[in-house]
Amino acid sequence: MSAVRTSEPRLLILETSGRIGRVGLALGPKLLGERALDETRRHARDLVPAIVALCGEQSWRVRDLDGVAVSLGPGSYTGLRVGIMTAKTLAYATGCVALGLETFAAIARQAAPELAASTIDVLADAQQQNVYVQRWRRMAWGWASGPLRILPVNDWRGDFPLAESVTGPGLQMHESNTPYYQRKAPMERRDPTPASLLEIALERWHRGEADDALALEPLYLRPSSAEENWTRLGK
């Protein structure tokens, strides 16, 4: 871990929870660069070269990083594993601070100014007509989250009262069935961005927080499809 907490840390941001992974590099609150990864989810192939290229553009070495912030999900099981393993390796090899960040917290944060609502549901696809859903509520001191759940999509629609607004990468699949009065985040605000993850990472950094890099795991409520199939076969 870095011995000194500078006011403007050099931070790497890894977001691999969705269809398109993203890597960002920041100096304090300023996002210096950003790269999108291959859409086919082969994040492992592209991730390390993207990190090296971003650092090179700033004449930084990877070991110059003060911290690495990684999105924990929920989301693509394979993508999350690759991103978190990369963060673990960097933190272990360089001694930089590791910060695991809840993906839905970033999504809710970036949608809030657009929606001007007191409650926001964040959705992501959980396969087999299920969704991940987490409700966020505006409080005097900021945003508070409810429990992260996996629900059949019809059960989520049956929630009463529904949140005033809805966002997240799972919205596109189910948008046509949401009530007309429920405000929807614009398309460009539904997926987590390095910029919104950076805001959360900096808040944690300035509070002096750090995670045990080797203990970081994806925020997942059920096994991967491969693990479920393996269990179903009785192996």
Protein backbone atom coordinates (compact mmCIF):
# COMPACT_ATOMS: atom_id res chain seq x y z
CA MET A 1 0.00 0.00 0.00
CA SER A 2 1.20 3.52 -0.74
CA ALA A 3 2.71 5.11 2.36
CA VAL A 4 1.26 8.57 1.67
CA ARG A 5 -2.32 9.46 0.75
CA THR A 6 -1.86 12.28 -1.72
CA SER A 7 -4.74 14.68 -2.35
CA GLU A 8 -4.59 13.91 -6.09
CA PRO A 9 -3.84 10.20 -6.40
CA ARG A 10 -2.98 8.44 -9.64
CA LEU A 11 -5.88 6.02 -10.01
CA LEU A 12 -6.65 3.26 -12.46
CA ILE A 13 -10.36 2.44 -12.91
CA LEU A 14 -11.45 -0.98 -14.20
CA GLU A 15 -15.06 -1.54 -15.29
CA THR A 16 -15.66 -5.00 -16.79
CA SER A 17 -19.17 -5.79 -15.54
CA GLY A 18 -20.97 -5.20 -18.84
CA ARG A 19 -20.98 -5.93 -22.53
CA ILE A 20 -18.30 -3.33 -23.17
CA GLY A 21 -15.50 -3.12 -20.62
CA ARG A 22 -13.86 0.22 -19.93
CA VAL A 23 -10.56 1.30 -18.43
CA GLY A 24 -9.88 4.80 -17.13
CA LEU A 25 -6.87 6.64 -15.76
CA ALA A 26 -7.22 9.63 -13.44
CA LEU A 27 -5.19 12.16 -11.53
CA GLY A 28 -7.35 13.16 -8.60
CA PRO A 29 -10.82 14.11 -9.91
CA LYS A 30 -9.59 14.56 -13.49
CA LEU A 31 -10.15 11.63 -15.84
CA LEU A 32 -7.10 11.74 -18.09
CA GLY A 33 -7.97 8.94 -20.48
CA GLU A 34 -10.40 6.14 -21.17
CA ARG A 35 -10.37 3.00 -23.34
CA ALA A 36 -13.23 0.70 -24.38
CA LEU A 37 -12.49 -3.02 -24.56
CA ASP A 38 -13.59 -5.62 -27.09
CA GLU A 39 -17.36 -6.08 -27.19
CA THR A 40 -17.06 -9.87 -27.36
CA ARG A 41 -16.11 -9.88 -23.64
CA ARG A 42 -12.59 -11.11 -24.29
CA HIS A 43 -11.49 -8.58 -21.69
CA ALA A 44 -8.39 -10.55 -20.70
CA ARG A 45 -6.89 -10.08 -24.14
CA ASP A 46 -7.40 -6.32 -24.22
CA LEU A 47 -7.26 -5.24 -20.59
CA VAL A 48 -3.53 -5.27 -19.85
CA PRO A 49 -2.52 -3.62 -23.16
CA ALA A 50 -5.14 -0.90 -22.52
CA ILE A 51 -3.72 -0.25 -19.04
CA VAL A 52 -0.16 -0.06 -20.35
CA ALA A 53 -1.21 2.24 -23.21
CA LEU A 54 -3.12 4.63 -20.93
CA CYS A 55 -0.21 4.85 -18.50
CA GLY A 56 2.20 5.39 -21.39
CA GLU A 57 0.16 8.33 -22.68
CA GLN A 58 0.82 10.08 -19.35
CA SER A 59 4.46 8.92 -19.19
CA TRP A 60 3.53 6.87 -16.11
CA ARG A 61 4.79 3.43 -15.25
CA VAL A 62 2.22 0.98 -13.89
CA ARG A 63 4.11 0.92 -10.60
CA ASP A 64 3.56 4.70 -10.31
CA LEU A 65 -0.16 4.11 -9.61
CA ASP A 66 -1.41 5.03 -6.15
CA GLY A 67 -4.55 2.95 -6.42
CA VAL A 68 -6.69 0.67 -8.57
CA ALA A 69 -10.48 0.88 -8.36
CA VAL A 70 -12.45 -2.04 -9.74
CA SER A 71 -16.15 -2.52 -10.39
CA LEU A 72 -17.49 -5.51 -8.39
CA GLY A 73 -20.81 -6.02 -10.16
CA PRO A 74 -23.29 -7.48 -10.45
CA GLY A 75 -22.78 -8.13 -14.14
CA SER A 76 -20.95 -10.43 -16.51
CA TYR A 77 -19.43 -13.22 -14.44
CA THR A 78 -16.47 -13.70 -16.76
CA GLY A 79 -15.86 -9.97 -17.19
CA LEU A 80 -15.96 -9.33 -13.45
CA ARG A 81 -13.52 -12.17 -12.77
CA VAL A 82 -11.04 -10.77 -15.28
CA GLY A 83 -11.28 -7.21 -13.94
CA ILE A 84 -10.98 -8.22 -10.30
CA MET A 85 -8.11 -10.61 -10.94
CA THR A 86 -6.27 -7.84 -12.79
CA ALA A 87 -6.84 -5.45 -9.86
CA LYS A 88 -5.58 -8.06 -7.41
CA THR A 89 -2.46 -8.66 -9.45
CA LEU A 90 -1.67 -4.95 -9.81
CA ALA A 91 -2.20 -4.23 -6.11
CA TYR A 92 -0.05 -7.17 -5.09
CA ALA A 93 2.74 -6.42 -7.58
CA THR A 94 2.92 -2.64 -7.08
CA GLY A 95 1.70 -2.17 -3.50
CA CYS A 96 -0.98 0.31 -4.60
CA VAL A 97 -4.31 0.66 -2.78
CA ALA A 98 -7.17 -1.58 -3.96
CA LEU A 99 -10.73 -0.24 -3.91
CA GLY A 100 -13.67 -2.48 -4.78
CA LEU A 101 -16.73 -0.50 -5.90
CA GLU A 102 -20.39 -1.49 -6.21
CA THR A 103 -21.39 -1.15 -9.85
CA PHE A 104 -25.00 -0.21 -9.07
CA ALA A 105 -23.84 2.63 -6.82
CA ALA A 106 -22.07 4.21 -9.80
CA ILE A 107 -25.08 3.69 -12.09
CA ALA A 108 -27.49 5.24 -9.60
CA ARG A 109 -25.18 8.18 -9.02
CA GLN A 110 -24.77 9.05 -12.70
CA ALA A 111 -28.52 8.76 -13.38
CA ALA A 112 -29.66 10.86 -10.43
CA PRO A 113 -29.04 14.34 -11.91
CA GLU A 114 -30.89 13.42 -15.12
CA LEU A 115 -33.92 11.87 -13.41
CA ALA A 116 -34.37 14.29 -10.49
CA ALA A 117 -36.16 11.56 -8.56
CA SER A 118 -36.24 10.55 -4.91
CA THR A 119 -36.18 6.80 -5.69
CA ILE A 120 -34.31 4.94 -8.44
CA ASP A 121 -34.34 1.26 -9.32
CA VAL A 122 -31.16 -0.05 -10.96
CA LEU A 123 -31.67 -3.14 -13.15
CA ALA A 124 -29.33 -5.67 -14.74
CA ASP A 125 -30.15 -8.88 -16.56
CA ALA A 126 -29.83 -12.01 -14.38
CA GLN A 127 -30.83 -14.41 -17.20
CA GLN A 128 -33.85 -16.73 -17.44
CA GLN A 129 -36.31 -13.81 -17.22
CA ASN A 130 -34.79 -12.66 -13.94
CA VAL A 131 -33.29 -9.27 -13.09
CA TYR A 132 -30.90 -7.93 -10.53
CA VAL A 133 -32.63 -4.98 -8.90
CA GLN A 134 -31.57 -2.54 -6.20
CA ARG A 135 -33.54 0.49 -5.05
CA TRP A 136 -31.78 3.72 -4.18
CA ARG A 137 -33.44 6.43 -2.12
CA ARG A 138 -32.44 10.08 -1.81
CA MET A 139 -31.69 11.08 1.77
CA ALA A 140 -30.66 14.42 3.27
CA TRP A 141 -27.03 13.25 3.36
CA GLY A 142 -26.94 11.46 -0.01
CA TRP A 143 -28.17 8.21 -1.55
CA ALA A 144 -28.99 5.08 0.47
CA SER A 145 -29.38 1.63 -1.06
CA GLY A 146 -31.83 -1.13 -0.35
CA PRO A 147 -30.90 -4.83 -0.64
CA LEU A 148 -29.61 -6.21 -3.91
CA ARG A 149 -32.13 -8.81 -5.12
CA ILE A 150 -32.67 -11.28 -7.95
CA LEU A 151 -36.33 -11.34 -8.99
CA PRO A 152 -38.44 -12.63 -11.86
CA VAL A 153 -39.01 -9.53 -13.93
CA ASN A 154 -42.78 -9.73 -13.38
CA ASP A 155 -42.25 -9.69 -9.61
CA TRP A 156 -40.20 -6.51 -9.94
CA ARG A 157 -42.94 -4.91 -12.02
CA GLY A 158 -45.38 -5.90 -9.28
CA ASP A 159 -43.47 -4.02 -6.59
CA PHE A 160 -45.64 -1.38 -4.94
CA PRO A 161 -44.92 1.40 -4.91
CA LEU A 162 -42.60 1.31 -7.89
CA ALA A 163 -39.56 3.57 -7.80
CA GLU A 164 -40.13 6.93 -9.44
CA SER A 165 -37.41 6.19 -11.98
CA VAL A 166 -35.39 3.30 -13.37
CA THR A 167 -31.98 2.84 -14.97
CA GLY A 168 -29.31 0.22 -15.56
CA PRO A 169 -28.11 -2.07 -18.35
CA GLY A 170 -31.11 -4.38 -17.88
CA LEU A 171 -33.61 -1.64 -18.70
CA GLN A 172 -33.33 -1.92 -22.48
CA MET A 173 -34.62 -5.50 -22.43
CA HIS A 174 -37.64 -4.61 -20.30
CA GLU A 175 -38.30 -0.96 -21.10
CA SER A 176 -41.41 -1.60 -23.18
CA ASN A 177 -43.16 -3.12 -20.18
CA THR A 178 -42.37 -0.40 -17.65
CA PRO A 179 -45.18 2.02 -16.71
CA TYR A 180 -45.35 5.21 -18.74
CA TYR A 181 -45.07 7.36 -15.61
CA GLN A 182 -41.80 5.78 -14.47
CA ARG A 183 -38.94 7.98 -15.65
CA LYS A 184 -36.22 6.18 -17.60
CA ALA A 185 -32.58 7.17 -17.70
CA PRO A 186 -31.24 8.01 -21.17
CA MET A 187 -29.32 5.23 -22.90
CA GLU A 188 -25.92 6.83 -22.33
CA ARG A 189 -26.50 6.88 -18.54
CA ARG A 190 -27.49 3.25 -18.04
CA ASP A 191 -24.06 1.61 -18.05
CA PRO A 192 -21.40 2.39 -15.44
CA THR A 193 -18.71 4.82 -16.54
CA PRO A 194 -15.16 5.32 -15.27
CA ALA A 195 -16.14 8.89 -14.35
CA SER A 196 -18.86 7.85 -11.89
CA LEU A 197 -16.69 5.06 -10.46
CA LEU A 198 -13.92 7.62 -10.01
CA GLU A 199 -16.15 9.83 -7.86
CA ILE A 200 -16.86 6.96 -5.48
CA ALA A 201 -13.22 5.82 -5.47
CA LEU A 202 -12.02 9.31 -4.52
CA GLU A 203 -14.51 9.54 -1.66
CA ARG A 204 -13.17 6.28 -0.27
CA TRP A 205 -9.57 7.34 -0.90
CA HIS A 206 -9.97 10.58 1.05
CA ARG A 207 -11.57 8.68 3.93
CA GLY A 208 -8.40 6.60 4.08
CA GLU A 209 -10.16 3.39 3.08
CA ALA A 210 -8.64 0.39 1.32
CA ASP A 211 -9.72 -3.18 0.62
CA ASP A 212 -7.79 -6.39 1.03
CA ALA A 213 -6.96 -6.95 -2.63
CA LEU A 214 -6.67 -10.71 -2.29
CA ALA A 215 -10.14 -10.90 -0.72
CA LEU A 216 -11.98 -9.01 -3.49
CA GLU A 217 -14.76 -11.05 -5.12
CA PRO A 218 -17.56 -10.29 -7.58
CA LEU A 219 -20.80 -9.06 -6.03
CA TYR A 220 -22.92 -11.99 -7.12
CA LEU A 221 -26.02 -13.57 -5.60
CA ARG A 222 -25.91 -16.87 -7.44
CA PRO A 223 -23.38 -19.17 -9.13
CA SER A 224 -22.35 -18.70 -12.75
CA SER A 225 -24.29 -20.57 -15.44
CA ALA A 226 -21.43 -23.06 -15.75
CA GLU A 227 -21.53 -23.75 -12.01
CA GLU A 228 -25.31 -24.16 -12.06
CA ASN A 229 -25.07 -26.64 -14.94
CA TRP A 230 -22.35 -28.55 -13.13
CA THR A 231 -24.51 -28.79 -10.00
CA ARG A 232 -27.54 -29.84 -12.06
CA LEU A 233 -25.54 -32.76 -13.47
CA GLY A 234 -24.76 -33.87 -9.93
CA LYS A 235 -21.00 -33.42 -10.29
